[in-house]
Amino acid sequence: MDLQDQLKNLFPDHVVSNEPEAVEEKDHELYVQKEPMICKFEKRKGKPTTIISGYEGEEEDFKLLAKELKNKLAVGGTFKDGEIIIQGDYRDRIMKLLQEKGFKTKRVGG
């Protein structure tokens, strides 16, 4: 008895559909603000970190932006207290990515 037969025994009323399920990915539109986002460099516990703050839109949008930045840079990081914290000094690359998305950025510190 194969798996299909076992499933038919368990769920006799189920109709098998041969159509592939359509997975819809929503292309989320980020709120682009007039004020620049702050991109600064800090050392935390002796390790370099890049901190992005100053986003005025929804918190969920900022989390999506954090995830996208981490994926594009292939680095670790987190979203905490309204700030994106990226491991390492990536200010220039982050500012370039944000400007390509239409954000204004401001470099703070060294």
PDB file of N, CA and C in Angstrom:
ATOM      1  N   MET A   1       0.852  -1.175   0.000  1.00  0.00           N
ATOM      2  CA  MET A   1       0.000   0.000   0.000  1.00  0.00           C
ATOM      3  C   MET A   1       0.902   1.245   0.000  1.00  0.00           C
ATOM      4  N   ASP A   2       0.766   2.068  -1.014  1.00  0.00           N
ATOM      5  CA  ASP A   2       1.609   3.262  -1.096  1.00  0.00           C
ATOM      6  C   ASP A   2       0.941   4.439  -0.371  1.00  0.00           C
ATOM      7  N   LEU A   3       1.610   5.540  -0.387  1.00  0.00           N
ATOM      8  CA  LEU A   3       1.153   6.713   0.360  1.00  0.00           C
ATOM      9  C   LEU A   3      -0.182   7.240  -0.145  1.00  0.00           C
ATOM     10  N   GLN A   4      -0.400   7.238  -1.454  1.00  0.00           N
ATOM     11  CA  GLN A   4      -1.659   7.730  -2.021  1.00  0.00           C
ATOM     12  C   GLN A   4      -2.841   6.894  -1.526  1.00  0.00           C
ATOM     13  N   ASP A   5      -2.661   5.580  -1.469  1.00  0.00           N
ATOM     14  CA  ASP A   5      -3.735   4.706  -0.987  1.00  0.00           C
ATOM     15  C   ASP A   5      -4.014   4.947   0.494  1.00  0.00           C
ATOM     16  N   GLN A   6      -2.979   5.145   1.266  1.00  0.00           N
ATOM     17  CA  GLN A   6      -3.151   5.415   2.693  1.00  0.00           C
ATOM     18  C   GLN A   6      -3.904   6.727   2.906  1.00  0.00           C
ATOM     19  N   LEU A   7      -3.559   7.737   2.108  1.00  0.00           N
ATOM     20  CA  LEU A   7      -4.252   9.019   2.231  1.00  0.00           C
ATOM     21  C   LEU A   7      -5.719   8.901   1.827  1.00  0.00           C
ATOM     22  N   LYS A   8      -6.012   8.090   0.796  1.00  0.00           N
ATOM     23  CA  LYS A   8      -7.404   7.889   0.378  1.00  0.00           C
ATOM     24  C   LYS A   8      -8.198   7.191   1.466  1.00  0.00           C
ATOM     25  N   ASN A   9      -7.569   6.257   2.179  1.00  0.00           N
ATOM     26  CA  ASN A   9      -8.247   5.573   3.284  1.00  0.00           C
ATOM     27  C   ASN A   9      -8.528   6.534   4.433  1.00  0.00           C
ATOM     28  N   LEU A  10      -7.581   7.426   4.706  1.00  0.00           N
ATOM     29  CA  LEU A  10      -7.758   8.374   5.810  1.00  0.00           C
ATOM     30  C   LEU A  10      -8.742   9.487   5.467  1.00  0.00           C
ATOM     31  N   PHE A  11      -8.708   9.958   4.226  1.00  0.00           N
ATOM     32  CA  PHE A  11      -9.546  11.077   3.795  1.00  0.00           C
ATOM     33  C   PHE A  11     -10.319  10.673   2.537  1.00  0.00           C
ATOM     34  N   PRO A  12     -11.379   9.897   2.681  1.00  0.00           N
ATOM     35  CA  PRO A  12     -12.086   9.397   1.497  1.00  0.00           C
ATOM     36  C   PRO A  12     -12.810  10.492   0.703  1.00  0.00           C
ATOM     37  N   ASP A  13     -13.164  11.620   1.323  1.00  0.00           N
ATOM     38  CA  ASP A  13     -13.899  12.683   0.630  1.00  0.00           C
ATOM     39  C   ASP A  13     -12.993  13.672  -0.086  1.00  0.00           C
ATOM     40  N   HIS A  14     -11.699  13.556   0.097  1.00  0.00           N
ATOM     41  CA  HIS A  14     -10.764  14.518  -0.492  1.00  0.00           C
ATOM     42  C   HIS A  14     -10.639  14.317  -2.003  1.00  0.00           C
ATOM     43  N   VAL A  15     -10.707  15.441  -2.745  1.00  0.00           N
ATOM     44  CA  VAL A  15     -10.532  15.409  -4.187  1.00  0.00           C
ATOM     45  C   VAL A  15      -9.132  15.926  -4.507  1.00  0.00           C
ATOM     46  N   VAL A  16      -8.356  15.139  -5.234  1.00  0.00           N
ATOM     47  CA  VAL A  16      -6.981  15.511  -5.554  1.00  0.00           C
ATOM     48  C   VAL A  16      -6.984  16.507  -6.709  1.00  0.00           C
ATOM     49  N   SER A  17      -6.272  17.590  -6.528  1.00  0.00           N
ATOM     50  CA  SER A  17      -6.170  18.610  -7.563  1.00  0.00           C
ATOM     51  C   SER A  17      -4.787  18.520  -8.190  1.00  0.00           C
ATOM     52  N   ASN A  18      -4.731  18.528  -9.511  1.00  0.00           N
ATOM     53  CA  ASN A  18      -3.458  18.458 -10.214  1.00  0.00           C
ATOM     54  C   ASN A  18      -2.898  19.829 -10.552  1.00  0.00           C
ATOM     55  N   GLU A  19      -3.616  20.881 -10.177  1.00  0.00           N
ATOM     56  CA  GLU A  19      -3.158  22.238 -10.463  1.00  0.00           C
ATOM     57  C   GLU A  19      -2.096  22.646  -9.457  1.00  0.00           C
ATOM     58  N   PRO A  20      -1.017  23.241  -9.920  1.00  0.00           N
ATOM     59  CA  PRO A  20      -0.009  23.726  -8.965  1.00  0.00           C
ATOM     60  C   PRO A  20      -0.569  24.926  -8.200  1.00  0.00           C
ATOM     61  N   GLU A  21      -0.232  24.973  -6.933  1.00  0.00           N
ATOM     62  CA  GLU A  21      -0.718  26.071  -6.107  1.00  0.00           C
ATOM     63  C   GLU A  21       0.018  27.346  -6.468  1.00  0.00           C
ATOM     64  N   ALA A  22      -0.730  28.399  -6.638  1.00  0.00           N
ATOM     65  CA  ALA A  22      -0.143  29.695  -6.974  1.00  0.00           C
ATOM     66  C   ALA A  22       0.265  30.393  -5.685  1.00  0.00           C
ATOM     67  N   VAL A  23       1.533  30.655  -5.565  1.00  0.00           N
ATOM     68  CA  VAL A  23       2.044  31.360  -4.395  1.00  0.00           C
ATOM     69  C   VAL A  23       2.248  32.810  -4.797  1.00  0.00           C
ATOM     70  N   GLU A  24       1.506  33.681  -4.152  1.00  0.00           N
ATOM     71  CA  GLU A  24       1.605  35.101  -4.478  1.00  0.00           C
ATOM     72  C   GLU A  24       2.573  35.781  -3.534  1.00  0.00           C
ATOM     73  N   GLU A  25       3.573  36.413  -4.103  1.00  0.00           N
ATOM     74  CA  GLU A  25       4.488  37.212  -3.302  1.00  0.00           C
ATOM     75  C   GLU A  25       4.121  38.659  -3.502  1.00  0.00           C
ATOM     76  N   LYS A  26       3.838  39.308  -2.405  1.00  0.00           N
ATOM     77  CA  LYS A  26       3.478  40.718  -2.493  1.00  0.00           C
ATOM     78  C   LYS A  26       4.754  41.549  -2.564  1.00  0.00           C
ATOM     79  N   ASP A  27       4.807  42.424  -3.536  1.00  0.00           N
ATOM     80  CA  ASP A  27       5.928  43.335  -3.641  1.00  0.00           C
ATOM     81  C   ASP A  27       5.578  44.540  -2.777  1.00  0.00           C
ATOM     82  N   HIS A  28       6.113  44.555  -1.575  1.00  0.00           N
ATOM     83  CA  HIS A  28       5.727  45.549  -0.586  1.00  0.00           C
ATOM     84  C   HIS A  28       6.357  46.897  -0.901  1.00  0.00           C
ATOM     85  N   GLU A  29       5.571  47.933  -0.866  1.00  0.00           N
ATOM     86  CA  GLU A  29       6.028  49.289  -1.154  1.00  0.00           C
ATOM     87  C   GLU A  29       6.449  49.941   0.159  1.00  0.00           C
ATOM     88  N   LEU A  30       7.693  50.361   0.254  1.00  0.00           N
ATOM     89  CA  LEU A  30       8.189  51.016   1.462  1.00  0.00           C
ATOM     90  C   LEU A  30       7.844  52.504   1.435  1.00  0.00           C
ATOM     91  N   TYR A  31       7.575  53.041   2.615  1.00  0.00           N
ATOM     92  CA  TYR A  31       7.309  54.463   2.752  1.00  0.00           C
ATOM     93  C   TYR A  31       8.640  55.204   2.624  1.00  0.00           C
ATOM     94  N   VAL A  32       8.741  56.106   1.652  1.00  0.00           N
ATOM     95  CA  VAL A  32       9.965  56.885   1.448  1.00  0.00           C
ATOM     96  C   VAL A  32       9.732  58.257   2.053  1.00  0.00           C
ATOM     97  N   GLN A  33      10.520  58.575   3.054  1.00  0.00           N
ATOM     98  CA  GLN A  33      10.332  59.807   3.808  1.00  0.00           C
ATOM     99  C   GLN A  33      11.170  60.945   3.260  1.00  0.00           C
ATOM    100  N   LYS A  34      10.834  62.156   3.709  1.00  0.00           N
ATOM    101  CA  LYS A  34      11.580  63.336   3.268  1.00  0.00           C
ATOM    102  C   LYS A  34      12.856  63.534   4.090  1.00  0.00           C
ATOM    103  N   GLU A  35      12.814  63.191   5.371  1.00  0.00           N
ATOM    104  CA  GLU A  35      13.978  63.349   6.246  1.00  0.00           C
ATOM    105  C   GLU A  35      14.995  62.241   5.965  1.00  0.00           C
ATOM    106  N   PRO A  36      16.286  62.547   6.055  1.00  0.00           N
ATOM    107  CA  PRO A  36      17.290  61.502   5.793  1.00  0.00           C
ATOM    108  C   PRO A  36      17.369  60.476   6.919  1.00  0.00           C
ATOM    109  N   MET A  37      17.709  59.258   6.549  1.00  0.00           N
ATOM    110  CA  MET A  37      17.944  58.214   7.542  1.00  0.00           C
ATOM    111  C   MET A  37      19.386  58.343   8.020  1.00  0.00           C
ATOM    112  N   ILE A  38      19.600  58.137   9.296  1.00  0.00           N
ATOM    113  CA  ILE A  38      20.923  58.285   9.904  1.00  0.00           C
ATOM    114  C   ILE A  38      21.659  56.952   9.806  1.00  0.00           C
ATOM    115  N   CYS A  39      22.874  56.999   9.268  1.00  0.00           N
ATOM    116  CA  CYS A  39      23.716  55.815   9.131  1.00  0.00           C
ATOM    117  C   CYS A  39      25.014  56.103   9.892  1.00  0.00           C
ATOM    118  N   LYS A  40      25.195  55.426  11.036  1.00  0.00           N
ATOM    119  CA  LYS A  40      26.375  55.724  11.851  1.00  0.00           C
ATOM    120  C   LYS A  40      27.144  54.455  12.200  1.00  0.00           C
ATOM    121  N   PHE A  41      28.386  54.685  12.588  1.00  0.00           N
ATOM    122  CA  PHE A  41      29.322  53.613  12.926  1.00  0.00           C
ATOM    123  C   PHE A  41      29.600  53.677  14.419  1.00  0.00           C
ATOM    124  N   GLU A  42      29.538  52.527  15.086  1.00  0.00           N
ATOM    125  CA  GLU A  42      29.864  52.448  16.507  1.00  0.00           C
ATOM    126  C   GLU A  42      30.654  51.178  16.753  1.00  0.00           C
ATOM    127  N   LYS A  43      31.370  51.182  17.848  1.00  0.00           N
ATOM    128  CA  LYS A  43      32.001  49.946  18.298  1.00  0.00           C
ATOM    129  C   LYS A  43      31.235  49.513  19.536  1.00  0.00           C
ATOM    130  N   ARG A  44      30.712  48.318  19.486  1.00  0.00           N
ATOM    131  CA  ARG A  44      29.994  47.759  20.627  1.00  0.00           C
ATOM    132  C   ARG A  44      30.725  46.506  21.073  1.00  0.00           C
ATOM    133  N   LYS A  45      31.165  46.529  22.318  1.00  0.00           N
ATOM    134  CA  LYS A  45      31.961  45.433  22.887  1.00  0.00           C
ATOM    135  C   LYS A  45      33.196  45.160  22.039  1.00  0.00           C
ATOM    136  N   GLY A  46      33.784  46.236  21.500  1.00  0.00           N
ATOM    137  CA  GLY A  46      35.001  46.132  20.717  1.00  0.00           C
ATOM    138  C   GLY A  46      34.808  45.711  19.278  1.00  0.00           C
ATOM    139  N   LYS A  47      33.556  45.480  18.871  1.00  0.00           N
ATOM    140  CA  LYS A  47      33.303  45.031  17.499  1.00  0.00           C
ATOM    141  C   LYS A  47      32.596  46.135  16.713  1.00  0.00           C
ATOM    142  N   PRO A  48      32.964  46.298  15.436  1.00  0.00           N
ATOM    143  CA  PRO A  48      32.344  47.364  14.633  1.00  0.00           C
ATOM    144  C   PRO A  48      30.899  47.030  14.274  1.00  0.00           C
ATOM    145  N   THR A  49      30.025  48.031  14.389  1.00  0.00           N
ATOM    146  CA  THR A  49      28.628  47.870  13.995  1.00  0.00           C
ATOM    147  C   THR A  49      28.183  49.102  13.225  1.00  0.00           C
ATOM    148  N   THR A  50      27.264  48.901  12.296  1.00  0.00           N
ATOM    149  CA  THR A  50      26.647  49.987  11.554  1.00  0.00           C
ATOM    150  C   THR A  50      25.208  50.078  12.013  1.00  0.00           C
ATOM    151  N   ILE A  51      24.780  51.278  12.375  1.00  0.00           N
ATOM    152  CA  ILE A  51      23.432  51.478  12.909  1.00  0.00           C
ATOM    153  C   ILE A  51      22.670  52.414  11.985  1.00  0.00           C
ATOM    154  N   ILE A  52      21.473  51.979  11.550  1.00  0.00           N
ATOM    155  CA  ILE A  52      20.607  52.800  10.714  1.00  0.00           C
ATOM    156  C   ILE A  52      19.381  53.149  11.539  1.00  0.00           C
ATOM    157  N   SER A  53      19.087  54.423  11.647  1.00  0.00           N
ATOM    158  CA  SER A  53      17.929  54.868  12.420  1.00  0.00           C
ATOM    159  C   SER A  53      17.258  56.032  11.703  1.00  0.00           C
ATOM    160  N   GLY A  54      16.127  56.459  12.247  1.00  0.00           N
ATOM    161  CA  GLY A  54      15.450  57.629  11.704  1.00  0.00           C
ATOM    162  C   GLY A  54      14.368  57.307  10.691  1.00  0.00           C
ATOM    163  N   TYR A  55      13.865  56.069  10.653  1.00  0.00           N
ATOM    164  CA  TYR A  55      12.793  55.722   9.718  1.00  0.00           C
ATOM    165  C   TYR A  55      11.457  56.132  10.330  1.00  0.00           C
ATOM    166  N   GLU A  56      10.624  56.798   9.561  1.00  0.00           N
ATOM    167  CA  GLU A  56       9.367  57.336  10.078  1.00  0.00           C
ATOM    168  C   GLU A  56       8.151  56.486   9.721  1.00  0.00           C
ATOM    169  N   GLY A  57       8.320  55.460   8.902  1.00  0.00           N
ATOM    170  CA  GLY A  57       7.189  54.640   8.458  1.00  0.00           C
ATOM    171  C   GLY A  57       6.826  53.571   9.475  1.00  0.00           C
ATOM    172  N   GLU A  58       6.109  52.556   8.993  1.00  0.00           N
ATOM    173  CA  GLU A  58       5.680  51.447   9.835  1.00  0.00           C
ATOM    174  C   GLU A  58       6.875  50.612  10.296  1.00  0.00           C
ATOM    175  N   GLU A  59       6.754  50.045  11.481  1.00  0.00           N
ATOM    176  CA  GLU A  59       7.831  49.223  12.030  1.00  0.00           C
ATOM    177  C   GLU A  59       8.033  47.959  11.190  1.00  0.00           C
ATOM    178  N   GLU A  60       6.947  47.400  10.660  1.00  0.00           N
ATOM    179  CA  GLU A  60       7.050  46.205   9.828  1.00  0.00           C
ATOM    180  C   GLU A  60       7.846  46.496   8.545  1.00  0.00           C
ATOM    181  N   ASP A  61       7.650  47.695   7.973  1.00  0.00           N
ATOM    182  CA  ASP A  61       8.407  48.072   6.784  1.00  0.00           C
ATOM    183  C   ASP A  61       9.896  48.151   7.092  1.00  0.00           C
ATOM    184  N   PHE A  62      10.219  48.697   8.271  1.00  0.00           N
ATOM    185  CA  PHE A  62      11.618  48.841   8.672  1.00  0.00           C
ATOM    186  C   PHE A  62      12.242  47.461   8.891  1.00  0.00           C
ATOM    187  N   LYS A  63      11.458  46.516   9.428  1.00  0.00           N
ATOM    188  CA  LYS A  63      11.953  45.153   9.612  1.00  0.00           C
ATOM    189  C   LYS A  63      12.228  44.491   8.265  1.00  0.00           C
ATOM    190  N   LEU A  64      11.345  44.706   7.290  1.00  0.00           N
ATOM    191  CA  LEU A  64      11.558  44.159   5.946  1.00  0.00           C
ATOM    192  C   LEU A  64      12.807  44.754   5.309  1.00  0.00           C
ATOM    193  N   LEU A  65      13.014  46.055   5.526  1.00  0.00           N
ATOM    194  CA  LEU A  65      14.208  46.709   5.009  1.00  0.00           C
ATOM    195  C   LEU A  65      15.462  46.122   5.662  1.00  0.00           C
ATOM    196  N   ALA A  66      15.400  45.860   6.966  1.00  0.00           N
ATOM    197  CA  ALA A  66      16.536  45.262   7.673  1.00  0.00           C
ATOM    198  C   ALA A  66      16.864  43.887   7.102  1.00  0.00           C
ATOM    199  N   LYS A  67      15.830  43.094   6.858  1.00  0.00           N
ATOM    200  CA  LYS A  67      16.042  41.754   6.312  1.00  0.00           C
ATOM    201  C   LYS A  67      16.663  41.830   4.919  1.00  0.00           C
ATOM    202  N   GLU A  68      16.183  42.751   4.113  1.00  0.00           N
ATOM    203  CA  GLU A  68      16.716  42.900   2.757  1.00  0.00           C
ATOM    204  C   GLU A  68      18.180  43.337   2.776  1.00  0.00           C
ATOM    205  N   LEU A  69      18.510  44.284   3.649  1.00  0.00           N
ATOM    206  CA  LEU A  69      19.901  44.747   3.746  1.00  0.00           C
ATOM    207  C   LEU A  69      20.817  43.616   4.198  1.00  0.00           C
ATOM    208  N   LYS A  70      20.381  42.853   5.188  1.00  0.00           N
ATOM    209  CA  LYS A  70      21.208  41.749   5.677  1.00  0.00           C
ATOM    210  C   LYS A  70      21.425  40.707   4.589  1.00  0.00           C
ATOM    211  N   ASN A  71      20.394  40.436   3.797  1.00  0.00           N
ATOM    212  CA  ASN A  71      20.536  39.457   2.717  1.00  0.00           C
ATOM    213  C   ASN A  71      21.469  39.958   1.621  1.00  0.00           C
ATOM    214  N   LYS A  72      21.334  41.223   1.235  1.00  0.00           N
ATOM    215  CA  LYS A  72      22.168  41.752   0.154  1.00  0.00           C
ATOM    216  C   LYS A  72      23.631  41.868   0.563  1.00  0.00           C
ATOM    217  N   LEU A  73      23.880  42.172   1.837  1.00  0.00           N
ATOM    218  CA  LEU A  73      25.251  42.313   2.304  1.00  0.00           C
ATOM    219  C   LEU A  73      25.832  40.988   2.806  1.00  0.00           C
ATOM    220  N   ALA A  74      24.977  39.998   2.995  1.00  0.00           N
ATOM    221  CA  ALA A  74      25.391  38.686   3.512  1.00  0.00           C
ATOM    222  C   ALA A  74      26.095  38.823   4.857  1.00  0.00           C
ATOM    223  N   VAL A  75      25.458  39.572   5.756  1.00  0.00           N
ATOM    224  CA  VAL A  75      25.999  39.772   7.098  1.00  0.00           C
ATOM    225  C   VAL A  75      24.897  39.539   8.116  1.00  0.00           C
ATOM    226  N   GLY A  76      25.303  39.448   9.366  1.00  0.00           N
ATOM    227  CA  GLY A  76      24.346  39.310  10.452  1.00  0.00           C
ATOM    228  C   GLY A  76      23.908  40.671  10.948  1.00  0.00           C
ATOM    229  N   GLY A  77      22.836  40.662  11.672  1.00  0.00           N
ATOM    230  CA  GLY A  77      22.336  41.910  12.230  1.00  0.00           C
ATOM    231  C   GLY A  77      21.004  41.686  12.904  1.00  0.00           C
ATOM    232  N   THR A  78      20.408  42.762  13.385  1.00  0.00           N
ATOM    233  CA  THR A  78      19.139  42.671  14.084  1.00  0.00           C
ATOM    234  C   THR A  78      18.365  43.968  13.934  1.00  0.00           C
ATOM    235  N   PHE A  79      17.099  43.903  14.293  1.00  0.00           N
ATOM    236  CA  PHE A  79      16.250  45.087  14.370  1.00  0.00           C
ATOM    237  C   PHE A  79      15.850  45.228  15.825  1.00  0.00           C
ATOM    238  N   LYS A  80      16.245  46.343  16.459  1.00  0.00           N
ATOM    239  CA  LYS A  80      15.976  46.513  17.882  1.00  0.00           C
ATOM    240  C   LYS A  80      15.745  47.986  18.193  1.00  0.00           C
ATOM    241  N   ASP A  81      14.693  48.276  18.930  1.00  0.00           N
ATOM    242  CA  ASP A  81      14.388  49.633  19.405  1.00  0.00           C
ATOM    243  C   ASP A  81      14.345  50.658  18.273  1.00  0.00           C
ATOM    244  N   GLY A  82      13.759  50.304  17.155  1.00  0.00           N
ATOM    245  CA  GLY A  82      13.631  51.249  16.044  1.00  0.00           C
ATOM    246  C   GLY A  82      14.923  51.498  15.282  1.00  0.00           C
ATOM    247  N   GLU A  83      15.895  50.611  15.428  1.00  0.00           N
ATOM    248  CA  GLU A  83      17.176  50.744  14.728  1.00  0.00           C
ATOM    249  C   GLU A  83      17.536  49.424  14.070  1.00  0.00           C
ATOM    250  N   ILE A  84      18.211  49.517  12.936  1.00  0.00           N
ATOM    251  CA  ILE A  84      18.783  48.335  12.303  1.00  0.00           C
ATOM    252  C   ILE A  84      20.248  48.295  12.697  1.00  0.00           C
ATOM    253  N   ILE A  85      20.669  47.199  13.284  1.00  0.00           N
ATOM    254  CA  ILE A  85      22.059  47.049  13.713  1.00  0.00           C
ATOM    255  C   ILE A  85      22.691  45.965  12.846  1.00  0.00           C
ATOM    256  N   ILE A  86      23.688  46.364  12.051  1.00  0.00           N
ATOM    257  CA  ILE A  86      24.377  45.454  11.133  1.00  0.00           C
ATOM    258  C   ILE A  86      25.785  45.214  11.665  1.00  0.00           C
ATOM    259  N   GLN A  87      26.224  43.951  11.653  1.00  0.00           N
ATOM    260  CA  GLN A  87      27.568  43.623  12.116  1.00  0.00           C
ATOM    261  C   GLN A  87      28.592  44.041  11.065  1.00  0.00           C
ATOM    262  N   GLY A  88      29.548  44.869  11.478  1.00  0.00           N
ATOM    263  CA  GLY A  88      30.599  45.316  10.568  1.00  0.00           C
ATOM    264  C   GLY A  88      30.381  46.746  10.114  1.00  0.00           C
ATOM    265  N   ASP A  89      31.401  47.319   9.478  1.00  0.00           N
ATOM    266  CA  ASP A  89      31.333  48.698   8.987  1.00  0.00           C
ATOM    267  C   ASP A  89      30.941  48.667   7.507  1.00  0.00           C
ATOM    268  N   TYR A  90      29.653  48.821   7.235  1.00  0.00           N
ATOM    269  CA  TYR A  90      29.125  48.776   5.871  1.00  0.00           C
ATOM    270  C   TYR A  90      28.394  50.060   5.519  1.00  0.00           C
ATOM    271  N   ARG A  91      28.803  51.182   6.110  1.00  0.00           N
ATOM    272  CA  ARG A  91      28.078  52.440   5.891  1.00  0.00           C
ATOM    273  C   ARG A  91      27.958  52.810   4.423  1.00  0.00           C
ATOM    274  N   ASP A  92      29.051  52.746   3.688  1.00  0.00           N
ATOM    275  CA  ASP A  92      29.028  53.173   2.289  1.00  0.00           C
ATOM    276  C   ASP A  92      28.098  52.294   1.450  1.00  0.00           C
ATOM    277  N   ARG A  93      28.193  50.994   1.622  1.00  0.00           N
ATOM    278  CA  ARG A  93      27.357  50.083   0.836  1.00  0.00           C
ATOM    279  C   ARG A  93      25.885  50.209   1.220  1.00  0.00           C
ATOM    280  N   ILE A  94      25.610  50.366   2.517  1.00  0.00           N
ATOM    281  CA  ILE A  94      24.226  50.518   2.970  1.00  0.00           C
ATOM    282  C   ILE A  94      23.639  51.813   2.444  1.00  0.00           C
ATOM    283  N   MET A  95      24.416  52.893   2.517  1.00  0.00           N
ATOM    284  CA  MET A  95      23.921  54.180   2.028  1.00  0.00           C
ATOM    285  C   MET A  95      23.633  54.104   0.535  1.00  0.00           C
ATOM    286  N   LYS A  96      24.469  53.415  -0.216  1.00  0.00           N
ATOM    287  CA  LYS A  96      24.253  53.271  -1.655  1.00  0.00           C
ATOM    288  C   LYS A  96      22.966  52.485  -1.921  1.00  0.00           C
ATOM    289  N   LEU A  97      22.752  51.377  -1.184  1.00  0.00           N
ATOM    290  CA  LEU A  97      21.541  50.572  -1.363  1.00  0.00           C
ATOM    291  C   LEU A  97      20.285  51.375  -1.004  1.00  0.00           C
ATOM    292  N   LEU A  98      20.354  52.142   0.079  1.00  0.00           N
ATOM    293  CA  LEU A  98      19.198  52.947   0.483  1.00  0.00           C
ATOM    294  C   LEU A  98      18.899  54.044  -0.535  1.00  0.00           C
ATOM    295  N   GLN A  99      19.941  54.657  -1.086  1.00  0.00           N
ATOM    296  CA  GLN A  99      19.736  55.710  -2.078  1.00  0.00           C
ATOM    297  C   GLN A  99      19.149  55.141  -3.367  1.00  0.00           C
ATOM    298  N   GLU A 100      19.511  53.916  -3.715  1.00  0.00           N
ATOM    299  CA  GLU A 100      18.913  53.272  -4.891  1.00  0.00           C
ATOM    300  C   GLU A 100      17.427  53.028  -4.691  1.00  0.00           C
ATOM    301  N   LYS A 101      17.004  52.828  -3.428  1.00  0.00           N
ATOM    302  CA  LYS A 101      15.592  52.629  -3.121  1.00  0.00           C
ATOM    303  C   LYS A 101      14.835  53.947  -3.014  1.00  0.00           C
ATOM    304  N   GLY A 102      15.552  55.072  -3.068  1.00  0.00           N
ATOM    305  CA  GLY A 102      14.895  56.370  -3.027  1.00  0.00           C
ATOM    306  C   GLY A 102      14.979  57.083  -1.691  1.00  0.00           C
ATOM    307  N   PHE A 103      15.682  56.514  -0.723  1.00  0.00           N
ATOM    308  CA  PHE A 103      15.828  57.147   0.588  1.00  0.00           C
ATOM    309  C   PHE A 103      16.949  58.167   0.561  1.00  0.00           C
ATOM    310  N   LYS A 104      16.817  59.183   1.392  1.00  0.00           N
ATOM    311  CA  LYS A 104      17.920  60.116   1.627  1.00  0.00           C
ATOM    312  C   LYS A 104      18.666  59.585   2.843  1.00  0.00           C
ATOM    313  N   THR A 105      19.993  59.687   2.802  1.00  0.00           N
ATOM    314  CA  THR A 105      20.791  59.179   3.919  1.00  0.00           C
ATOM    315  C   THR A 105      21.746  60.257   4.400  1.00  0.00           C
ATOM    316  N   LYS A 106      22.136  60.122   5.650  1.00  0.00           N
ATOM    317  CA  LYS A 106      23.080  61.035   6.262  1.00  0.00           C
ATOM    318  C   LYS A 106      24.099  60.224   7.027  1.00  0.00           C
ATOM    319  N   ARG A 107      25.375  60.454   6.706  1.00  0.00           N
ATOM    320  CA  ARG A 107      26.452  59.736   7.370  1.00  0.00           C
ATOM    321  C   ARG A 107      26.834  60.471   8.645  1.00  0.00           C
ATOM    322  N   VAL A 108      26.887  59.741   9.755  1.00  0.00           N
ATOM    323  CA  VAL A 108      27.225  60.344  11.044  1.00  0.00           C
ATOM    324  C   VAL A 108      28.437  59.624  11.601  1.00  0.00           C
ATOM    325  N   GLY A 109      29.409  60.366  12.081  1.00  0.00           N
ATOM    326  CA  GLY A 109      30.609  59.782  12.673  1.00  0.00           C
ATOM    327  C   GLY A 109      31.650  59.489  11.623  1.00  0.00           C
ATOM    328  N   GLY A 110      32.932  59.548  12.026  1.00  0.00           N
ATOM    329  CA  GLY A 110      34.114  59.269  11.235  1.00  0.00           C
ATOM    330  C   GLY A 110      33.958  58.914   9.874  1.00  0.00           C
TER     331      GLY A 110
END
